[in-house]
N, C-alpha and C. Protein backbone atom coordinates (compact mmCIF):
# COMPACT_ATOMS: atom_id res chain seq x y z
N MET A 1 37.59 63.09 94.80
CA MET A 1 38.60 62.69 94.13
C MET A 1 40.01 62.99 94.89
N GLN A 2 40.98 62.18 94.50
CA GLN A 2 42.31 62.30 95.29
C GLN A 2 42.91 63.52 94.60
N GLY A 3 43.56 64.04 95.56
CA GLY A 3 44.52 65.26 95.00
C GLY A 3 45.78 64.88 94.29
N MET A 4 46.57 65.49 93.59
CA MET A 4 48.16 65.51 92.78
C MET A 4 48.96 65.00 94.03
N PHE A 5 49.38 65.44 95.04
CA PHE A 5 49.84 65.29 96.15
C PHE A 5 49.16 64.92 97.22
N GLN A 6 49.67 64.33 98.11
CA GLN A 6 49.45 63.83 99.42
C GLN A 6 50.42 63.65 100.16
N LYS A 7 49.71 64.65 101.72
CA LYS A 7 50.70 65.40 103.00
C LYS A 7 51.06 63.91 103.67
N LYS A 8 52.34 63.84 103.97
CA LYS A 8 52.39 62.38 105.10
C LYS A 8 53.34 63.26 106.38
N LYS A 9 52.99 62.49 107.54
CA LYS A 9 53.49 62.88 108.72
C LYS A 9 55.07 62.99 108.54
N SER A 10 55.60 64.17 109.40
CA SER A 10 56.74 64.01 108.87
C SER A 10 57.66 63.20 109.74
N ASN A 11 58.86 63.17 109.36
CA ASN A 11 59.62 62.49 110.09
C ASN A 11 60.93 63.49 110.36
N LYS A 12 60.73 63.86 111.97
CA LYS A 12 61.60 64.77 112.48
C LYS A 12 63.34 65.24 112.51
N SER A 13 63.77 63.09 112.41
CA SER A 13 65.08 63.27 112.36
C SER A 13 65.24 63.37 111.13
N ALA A 14 64.70 62.74 109.87
CA ALA A 14 65.22 62.98 108.81
C ALA A 14 65.02 64.30 107.84
N THR A 15 64.44 65.21 108.79
CA THR A 15 64.60 66.44 108.36
C THR A 15 65.51 67.14 108.85
N GLN A 16 65.58 66.93 110.20
CA GLN A 16 66.84 67.65 110.77
C GLN A 16 68.10 67.21 110.43
N ASN A 17 68.66 65.65 109.69
CA ASN A 17 69.68 65.64 109.18
C ASN A 17 69.09 66.17 107.50
N LEU A 18 68.72 66.42 107.05
CA LEU A 18 68.78 66.98 105.94
C LEU A 18 69.05 68.42 105.82
N LYS A 19 68.84 69.18 106.97
CA LYS A 19 69.03 70.22 106.87
C LYS A 19 70.41 70.42 107.53
N ASN A 20 70.76 69.44 108.24
CA ASN A 20 72.17 69.79 108.63
C ASN A 20 73.31 69.70 107.18
N LEU A 21 72.91 68.89 106.50
CA LEU A 21 73.36 68.64 105.44
C LEU A 21 73.45 69.55 104.53
N ILE A 22 72.26 70.27 103.72
CA ILE A 22 72.58 71.43 103.11
C ILE A 22 73.36 72.68 104.03
N ILE A 23 72.86 72.70 105.46
CA ILE A 23 73.82 73.65 105.71
C ILE A 23 75.41 73.52 105.52
N GLU A 24 75.87 72.33 105.70
CA GLU A 24 76.66 72.06 105.70
C GLU A 24 77.59 71.93 104.30
N LYS A 25 76.72 71.99 103.01
CA LYS A 25 76.75 71.58 102.18
C LYS A 25 77.17 73.07 101.13
N PHE A 26 76.46 74.32 101.46
CA PHE A 26 76.11 75.38 101.09
C PHE A 26 76.72 76.60 102.28
N ARG A 27 77.33 75.97 102.94
CA ARG A 27 78.06 76.65 104.54
C ARG A 27 77.21 77.73 104.61
N LEU A 28 75.71 77.67 104.84
CA LEU A 28 74.73 78.51 105.17
C LEU A 28 74.47 78.62 106.64
N ASN A 29 74.72 80.50 107.27
CA ASN A 29 74.85 80.54 108.35
C ASN A 29 73.23 80.23 109.29
N GLU A 30 73.21 81.16 110.83
CA GLU A 30 72.07 80.62 111.13
C GLU A 30 70.89 81.62 110.60
N ASP A 31 70.80 82.83 109.84
CA ASP A 31 70.25 83.83 109.37
C ASP A 31 69.11 83.09 108.28
N THR A 32 69.85 81.87 107.90
CA THR A 32 68.76 81.54 107.05
C THR A 32 68.12 80.80 107.56
N THR A 33 66.97 80.22 106.67
CA THR A 33 65.64 79.39 106.64
C THR A 33 65.75 78.21 105.66
N ILE A 34 65.47 76.87 106.50
CA ILE A 34 65.26 76.27 105.60
C ILE A 34 63.73 75.69 105.38
N SER A 35 63.53 75.27 104.33
CA SER A 35 62.05 75.09 104.78
C SER A 35 62.50 73.61 103.76
N ILE A 36 61.38 72.42 104.31
CA ILE A 36 61.60 70.68 103.66
C ILE A 36 60.21 70.19 103.61
N ALA A 37 60.07 69.80 102.21
CA ALA A 37 58.31 69.65 102.49
C ALA A 37 58.77 67.83 101.20
N GLU A 38 58.10 67.45 101.45
CA GLU A 38 57.99 65.41 100.57
C GLU A 38 56.54 65.30 99.87
N LEU A 39 57.07 65.59 98.63
CA LEU A 39 55.39 65.08 97.95
C LEU A 39 55.45 64.14 97.31
N SER A 40 54.51 63.53 96.78
CA SER A 40 53.90 62.42 96.68
C SER A 40 52.88 63.02 95.25
N CYS A 41 53.42 62.11 93.92
CA CYS A 41 52.71 62.54 92.59
C CYS A 41 52.40 61.38 92.15
N HIS A 42 51.02 61.78 91.62
CA HIS A 42 50.64 60.50 91.04
C HIS A 42 50.04 60.56 89.45
N GLU A 43 50.97 61.62 88.76
CA GLU A 43 50.98 61.75 87.61
C GLU A 43 52.02 61.26 86.82
N PRO A 44 51.25 60.65 85.28
CA PRO A 44 52.45 59.83 84.36
C PRO A 44 53.87 60.98 84.48
N ASN A 45 54.81 60.19 84.57
CA ASN A 45 56.39 60.30 84.14
C ASN A 45 56.89 61.40 85.41
N CYS A 46 55.83 61.36 86.55
CA CYS A 46 56.42 61.77 87.42
C CYS A 46 57.16 61.05 88.75
N PRO A 47 58.49 61.23 89.29
CA PRO A 47 58.74 60.64 90.15
C PRO A 47 57.76 59.80 91.49
N PRO A 48 57.64 59.06 92.39
CA PRO A 48 56.72 58.89 93.02
C PRO A 48 56.92 59.69 94.19
N LYS A 49 58.06 59.80 94.79
CA LYS A 49 58.17 60.90 95.47
C LYS A 49 59.70 61.90 95.19
N GLU A 50 59.12 62.80 96.07
CA GLU A 50 60.47 63.86 95.83
C GLU A 50 60.03 64.88 96.94
N THR A 51 61.33 65.30 97.07
CA THR A 51 61.82 66.39 98.47
C THR A 51 62.21 67.48 97.44
N ILE A 52 61.32 68.96 97.95
CA ILE A 52 61.61 70.39 97.76
C ILE A 52 62.26 70.89 98.95
N ILE A 53 63.47 71.52 99.24
CA ILE A 53 63.90 71.91 99.64
C ILE A 53 64.05 73.78 99.31
N THR A 54 63.54 74.51 100.63
CA THR A 54 63.44 75.69 99.85
C THR A 54 64.52 77.07 100.77
N ILE A 55 65.45 77.16 100.21
CA ILE A 55 66.52 78.11 101.10
C ILE A 55 66.05 79.80 101.26
N ARG A 56 65.72 80.09 102.42
CA ARG A 56 65.33 81.35 102.38
C ARG A 56 66.68 82.23 103.31
N LYS A 57 67.59 83.01 102.77
CA LYS A 57 68.34 83.50 103.51
C LYS A 57 67.90 84.82 103.98
N ALA A 58 68.79 85.53 104.06
CA ALA A 58 68.22 87.06 105.28
C ALA A 58 68.03 87.99 104.41
N ASP A 59 68.69 87.95 103.46
CA ASP A 59 68.62 89.48 102.72
C ASP A 59 67.28 89.01 101.52
N GLY A 60 66.13 88.08 101.57
CA GLY A 60 64.99 87.91 101.20
C GLY A 60 65.40 86.95 99.85
N SER A 61 66.78 86.69 99.53
CA SER A 61 66.67 85.88 98.45
C SER A 61 66.32 84.41 98.67
N THR A 62 65.91 83.36 97.50
CA THR A 62 65.52 82.54 98.16
C THR A 62 66.09 81.24 96.75
N SER A 63 66.09 80.04 96.84
CA SER A 63 66.56 79.00 96.14
C SER A 63 66.20 77.99 96.41
N ASN A 64 65.20 77.15 95.79
CA ASN A 64 64.92 75.85 95.48
C ASN A 64 65.65 74.54 95.20
N LEU A 65 65.82 73.34 95.77
CA LEU A 65 66.36 72.19 95.79
C LEU A 65 65.96 71.24 95.70
N ARG A 66 65.71 70.27 94.65
CA ARG A 66 64.83 69.18 94.59
C ARG A 66 65.83 67.86 94.55
N ILE A 67 65.17 67.14 95.48
CA ILE A 67 65.60 65.42 95.18
C ILE A 67 64.56 64.57 94.79
N HIS A 68 64.85 63.47 93.85
CA HIS A 68 64.01 62.61 93.53
C HIS A 68 63.17 61.38 94.17
N LYS A 69 63.51 61.89 95.88
CA LYS A 69 63.67 60.80 96.75
C LYS A 69 62.48 61.11 97.82
N ALA A 70 62.23 59.79 98.46
CA ALA A 70 61.48 60.49 99.87
C ALA A 70 62.84 60.88 100.54
N LEU A 71 62.02 61.61 101.46
CA LEU A 71 62.88 62.24 102.70
C LEU A 71 63.93 61.07 103.51
N ASP A 72 63.13 60.34 103.52
CA ASP A 72 64.05 59.20 104.71
C ASP A 72 64.61 58.68 103.89
N GLN A 73 65.00 58.62 102.82
CA GLN A 73 65.78 57.88 101.57
C GLN A 73 67.45 58.72 101.36
N ILE A 74 66.70 60.18 101.72
CA ILE A 74 67.91 60.88 101.11
C ILE A 74 69.24 60.27 101.74
N GLN A 75 70.40 60.27 101.02
CA GLN A 75 72.03 60.55 101.79
C GLN A 75 72.35 61.22 101.42
N ARG A 76 73.75 61.63 102.22
CA ARG A 76 74.34 62.48 101.98
C ARG A 76 75.32 62.29 100.68
N GLU A 77 75.20 61.49 99.57
CA GLU A 77 75.83 61.67 98.50
C GLU A 77 74.94 62.19 97.28
N ASP A 78 73.45 62.56 98.23
CA ASP A 78 72.50 62.77 97.48
C ASP A 78 72.31 64.72 97.61
N VAL A 79 72.70 64.90 98.43
CA VAL A 79 73.01 66.08 98.58
C VAL A 79 74.24 66.59 98.24
N LYS A 80 75.02 66.05 98.01
CA LYS A 80 76.68 66.53 97.16
C LYS A 80 76.36 66.92 95.45
N THR A 81 75.51 66.32 95.12
CA THR A 81 75.23 67.09 93.98
C THR A 81 73.98 67.62 93.68
N LEU A 82 73.59 68.76 94.59
CA LEU A 82 72.71 69.52 94.73
C LEU A 82 73.34 71.04 94.10
N ARG A 83 72.60 71.81 93.26
CA ARG A 83 72.74 72.97 92.83
C ARG A 83 71.30 73.78 93.05
N HIS A 84 72.02 75.10 93.26
CA HIS A 84 70.86 75.77 93.26
C HIS A 84 70.30 76.13 92.57
N GLU A 85 69.30 76.40 92.50
CA GLU A 85 67.82 76.90 91.30
C GLU A 85 67.13 78.36 92.09
N LYS A 86 68.04 79.55 91.41
CA LYS A 86 67.35 80.84 92.19
C LYS A 86 66.02 80.95 91.67
N ASN A 87 65.37 81.39 92.61
CA ASN A 87 63.83 82.22 92.41
C ASN A 87 64.27 83.53 91.80
């Protein structure tokens, strides 16, 4: 049985570009950790690709961001509209 999500080989250039856009957008400092995961979904009414960005600040606070696109398709305009989802 195939899982709901499939792992894909990462694209280092697209990942670094997205991290840079997130740092710029939210004015993050170097003590902030940014994690990025691209997920494939095979469930009904689910976008085929979704990129999840987790921001973890030095104080332990985290927030999640979601873009309903594949990592290598994300543009600056997609990042401009993001808002924090605090955990």
